[in-house]
Amino acid sequence: MDNDPGQPNPIRRLVQWAITPPQSYGVYLVGIVLVYTLSFYAGTMKPKHGPAAPVTAPAPPRN
């Protein structure tokens, strides 16, 4: 029987390529930039509010 698996799948080849030293530095930096960009974008988002409720007059103080 032949147990030769053939070529590894594309995801495994990509991971093996990305963990080699020169590429790993670039992948790390791209990951940091991506996390920073997404967190900055999420921090600038404003929540959607419904229509403002009418302001009621304050009740007179109780004695």
N, C-alpha and C. Protein backbone atom coordinates (compact mmCIF):
# COMPACT_ATOMS: atom_id res chain seq x y z
N MET A 1 0.83 -1.17 0.00
CA MET A 1 0.00 0.00 0.00
C MET A 1 0.87 1.24 0.00
N ASP A 2 0.38 2.22 -0.68
CA ASP A 2 1.11 3.48 -0.77
C ASP A 2 0.44 4.49 0.16
N ASN A 3 1.20 5.00 1.13
CA ASN A 3 0.67 5.98 2.07
C ASN A 3 1.08 7.40 1.73
N ASP A 4 1.44 7.63 0.50
CA ASP A 4 1.85 8.98 0.08
C ASP A 4 0.61 9.89 0.05
N PRO A 5 0.59 10.92 0.88
CA PRO A 5 -0.60 11.77 0.92
C PRO A 5 -0.73 12.72 -0.27
N GLY A 6 0.29 12.80 -1.09
CA GLY A 6 0.23 13.74 -2.21
C GLY A 6 0.53 15.15 -1.72
N GLN A 7 0.05 16.11 -2.45
CA GLN A 7 0.30 17.49 -2.04
C GLN A 7 -0.64 17.87 -0.90
N PRO A 8 -0.11 18.65 0.07
CA PRO A 8 -0.99 19.10 1.15
C PRO A 8 -2.02 20.10 0.63
N ASN A 9 -3.09 20.23 1.37
CA ASN A 9 -4.14 21.13 0.92
C ASN A 9 -3.64 22.58 0.92
N PRO A 10 -4.31 23.47 0.22
CA PRO A 10 -3.84 24.84 0.10
C PRO A 10 -3.75 25.59 1.43
N ILE A 11 -4.63 25.30 2.35
CA ILE A 11 -4.59 26.00 3.64
C ILE A 11 -3.32 25.60 4.40
N ARG A 12 -3.01 24.32 4.37
CA ARG A 12 -1.81 23.86 5.07
C ARG A 12 -0.55 24.45 4.42
N ARG A 13 -0.53 24.52 3.11
CA ARG A 13 0.62 25.13 2.43
C ARG A 13 0.76 26.60 2.79
N LEU A 14 -0.38 27.31 2.89
CA LEU A 14 -0.35 28.72 3.26
C LEU A 14 0.17 28.90 4.69
N VAL A 15 -0.28 28.05 5.61
CA VAL A 15 0.19 28.13 6.99
C VAL A 15 1.68 27.83 7.07
N GLN A 16 2.13 26.83 6.36
CA GLN A 16 3.55 26.50 6.36
C GLN A 16 4.37 27.65 5.77
N TRP A 17 3.85 28.31 4.74
CA TRP A 17 4.54 29.45 4.16
C TRP A 17 4.56 30.62 5.14
N ALA A 18 3.44 30.84 5.86
CA ALA A 18 3.32 32.00 6.74
C ALA A 18 4.14 31.88 8.01
N ILE A 19 4.51 30.66 8.43
CA ILE A 19 5.25 30.53 9.68
C ILE A 19 6.76 30.49 9.47
N THR A 20 7.21 30.59 8.25
CA THR A 20 8.65 30.67 8.04
C THR A 20 9.12 32.08 8.41
N PRO A 21 10.33 32.22 8.93
CA PRO A 21 10.75 33.49 9.52
C PRO A 21 10.54 34.77 8.70
N PRO A 22 10.93 34.90 7.48
CA PRO A 22 10.72 36.21 6.85
C PRO A 22 9.24 36.57 6.71
N GLN A 23 8.42 35.61 6.34
CA GLN A 23 7.01 35.89 6.16
C GLN A 23 6.30 36.05 7.49
N SER A 24 6.76 35.38 8.53
CA SER A 24 6.06 35.45 9.81
C SER A 24 6.09 36.86 10.38
N TYR A 25 7.18 37.60 10.15
CA TYR A 25 7.23 38.98 10.62
C TYR A 25 6.18 39.83 9.92
N GLY A 26 6.04 39.65 8.64
CA GLY A 26 5.04 40.39 7.89
C GLY A 26 3.63 40.01 8.29
N VAL A 27 3.38 38.72 8.49
CA VAL A 27 2.06 38.26 8.90
C VAL A 27 1.72 38.83 10.27
N TYR A 28 2.69 38.88 11.17
CA TYR A 28 2.48 39.45 12.50
C TYR A 28 2.15 40.93 12.41
N LEU A 29 2.89 41.68 11.63
CA LEU A 29 2.63 43.11 11.49
C LEU A 29 1.27 43.38 10.84
N VAL A 30 0.93 42.60 9.84
CA VAL A 30 -0.39 42.76 9.19
C VAL A 30 -1.49 42.46 10.20
N GLY A 31 -1.31 41.46 11.04
CA GLY A 31 -2.30 41.14 12.06
C GLY A 31 -2.47 42.27 13.07
N ILE A 32 -1.36 42.87 13.49
CA ILE A 32 -1.44 43.99 14.43
C ILE A 32 -2.17 45.17 13.80
N VAL A 33 -1.84 45.49 12.56
CA VAL A 33 -2.51 46.60 11.87
C VAL A 33 -3.99 46.30 11.70
N LEU A 34 -4.34 45.08 11.38
CA LEU A 34 -5.74 44.70 11.21
C LEU A 34 -6.51 44.83 12.52
N VAL A 35 -5.95 44.37 13.62
CA VAL A 35 -6.61 44.49 14.92
C VAL A 35 -6.75 45.95 15.31
N TYR A 36 -5.71 46.76 15.11
CA TYR A 36 -5.78 48.18 15.43
C TYR A 36 -6.86 48.87 14.61
N THR A 37 -6.90 48.59 13.31
CA THR A 37 -7.87 49.23 12.43
C THR A 37 -9.30 48.85 12.81
N LEU A 38 -9.53 47.57 13.06
CA LEU A 38 -10.88 47.13 13.43
C LEU A 38 -11.30 47.70 14.78
N SER A 39 -10.39 47.76 15.75
CA SER A 39 -10.77 48.31 17.05
C SER A 39 -10.98 49.81 16.97
N PHE A 40 -10.21 50.51 16.14
CA PHE A 40 -10.42 51.94 15.96
C PHE A 40 -11.77 52.20 15.30
N TYR A 41 -12.08 51.41 14.29
CA TYR A 41 -13.36 51.56 13.60
C TYR A 41 -14.52 51.26 14.54
N ALA A 42 -14.40 50.22 15.34
CA ALA A 42 -15.47 49.88 16.28
C ALA A 42 -15.61 50.95 17.35
N GLY A 43 -14.53 51.59 17.74
CA GLY A 43 -14.59 52.64 18.74
C GLY A 43 -15.21 53.92 18.23
N THR A 44 -15.19 54.14 16.92
CA THR A 44 -15.76 55.37 16.37
C THR A 44 -17.22 55.21 16.01
N MET A 45 -17.75 54.01 16.11
CA MET A 45 -19.15 53.81 15.77
C MET A 45 -20.03 54.38 16.87
N LYS A 46 -21.09 55.03 16.48
CA LYS A 46 -22.03 55.61 17.43
C LYS A 46 -23.26 54.71 17.50
N PRO A 47 -23.76 54.47 18.71
CA PRO A 47 -24.97 53.65 18.80
C PRO A 47 -26.17 54.42 18.25
N LYS A 48 -27.08 53.69 17.67
CA LYS A 48 -28.29 54.32 17.12
C LYS A 48 -29.29 54.48 18.25
N HIS A 49 -29.78 55.69 18.39
CA HIS A 49 -30.77 55.98 19.42
C HIS A 49 -32.11 56.21 18.76
N GLY A 50 -33.16 55.90 19.49
CA GLY A 50 -34.51 56.16 19.00
C GLY A 50 -34.81 57.65 19.11
N PRO A 51 -36.01 58.03 18.78
CA PRO A 51 -36.36 59.44 18.89
C PRO A 51 -36.27 59.90 20.35
N ALA A 52 -35.85 61.14 20.53
CA ALA A 52 -35.67 61.67 21.88
C ALA A 52 -37.02 61.81 22.58
N ALA A 53 -37.07 61.42 23.83
CA ALA A 53 -38.30 61.54 24.61
C ALA A 53 -38.48 63.00 25.01
N PRO A 54 -39.70 63.50 25.07
CA PRO A 54 -39.89 64.89 25.47
C PRO A 54 -39.46 65.09 26.92
N VAL A 55 -38.87 66.23 27.17
CA VAL A 55 -38.39 66.54 28.51
C VAL A 55 -39.58 67.00 29.33
N THR A 56 -39.78 66.39 30.48
CA THR A 56 -40.89 66.78 31.34
C THR A 56 -40.38 67.75 32.39
N ALA A 57 -41.26 68.60 32.86
CA ALA A 57 -40.91 69.56 33.90
C ALA A 57 -40.69 68.82 35.20
N PRO A 58 -39.70 69.26 35.97
CA PRO A 58 -39.47 68.58 37.24
C PRO A 58 -40.60 68.82 38.22
N ALA A 59 -40.87 67.86 39.05
CA ALA A 59 -41.96 67.96 40.02
C ALA A 59 -41.53 68.90 41.14
N PRO A 60 -42.48 69.61 41.73
CA PRO A 60 -42.10 70.50 42.85
C PRO A 60 -41.59 69.68 44.01
N PRO A 61 -40.69 70.26 44.78
CA PRO A 61 -40.12 69.49 45.92
C PRO A 61 -41.19 69.15 46.95
N ARG A 62 -41.05 67.99 47.56
CA ARG A 62 -42.01 67.55 48.57
C ARG A 62 -41.53 68.02 49.93
N ASN A 63 -42.47 68.43 50.74
CA ASN A 63 -42.14 68.89 52.10
C ASN A 63 -42.45 67.84 53.11
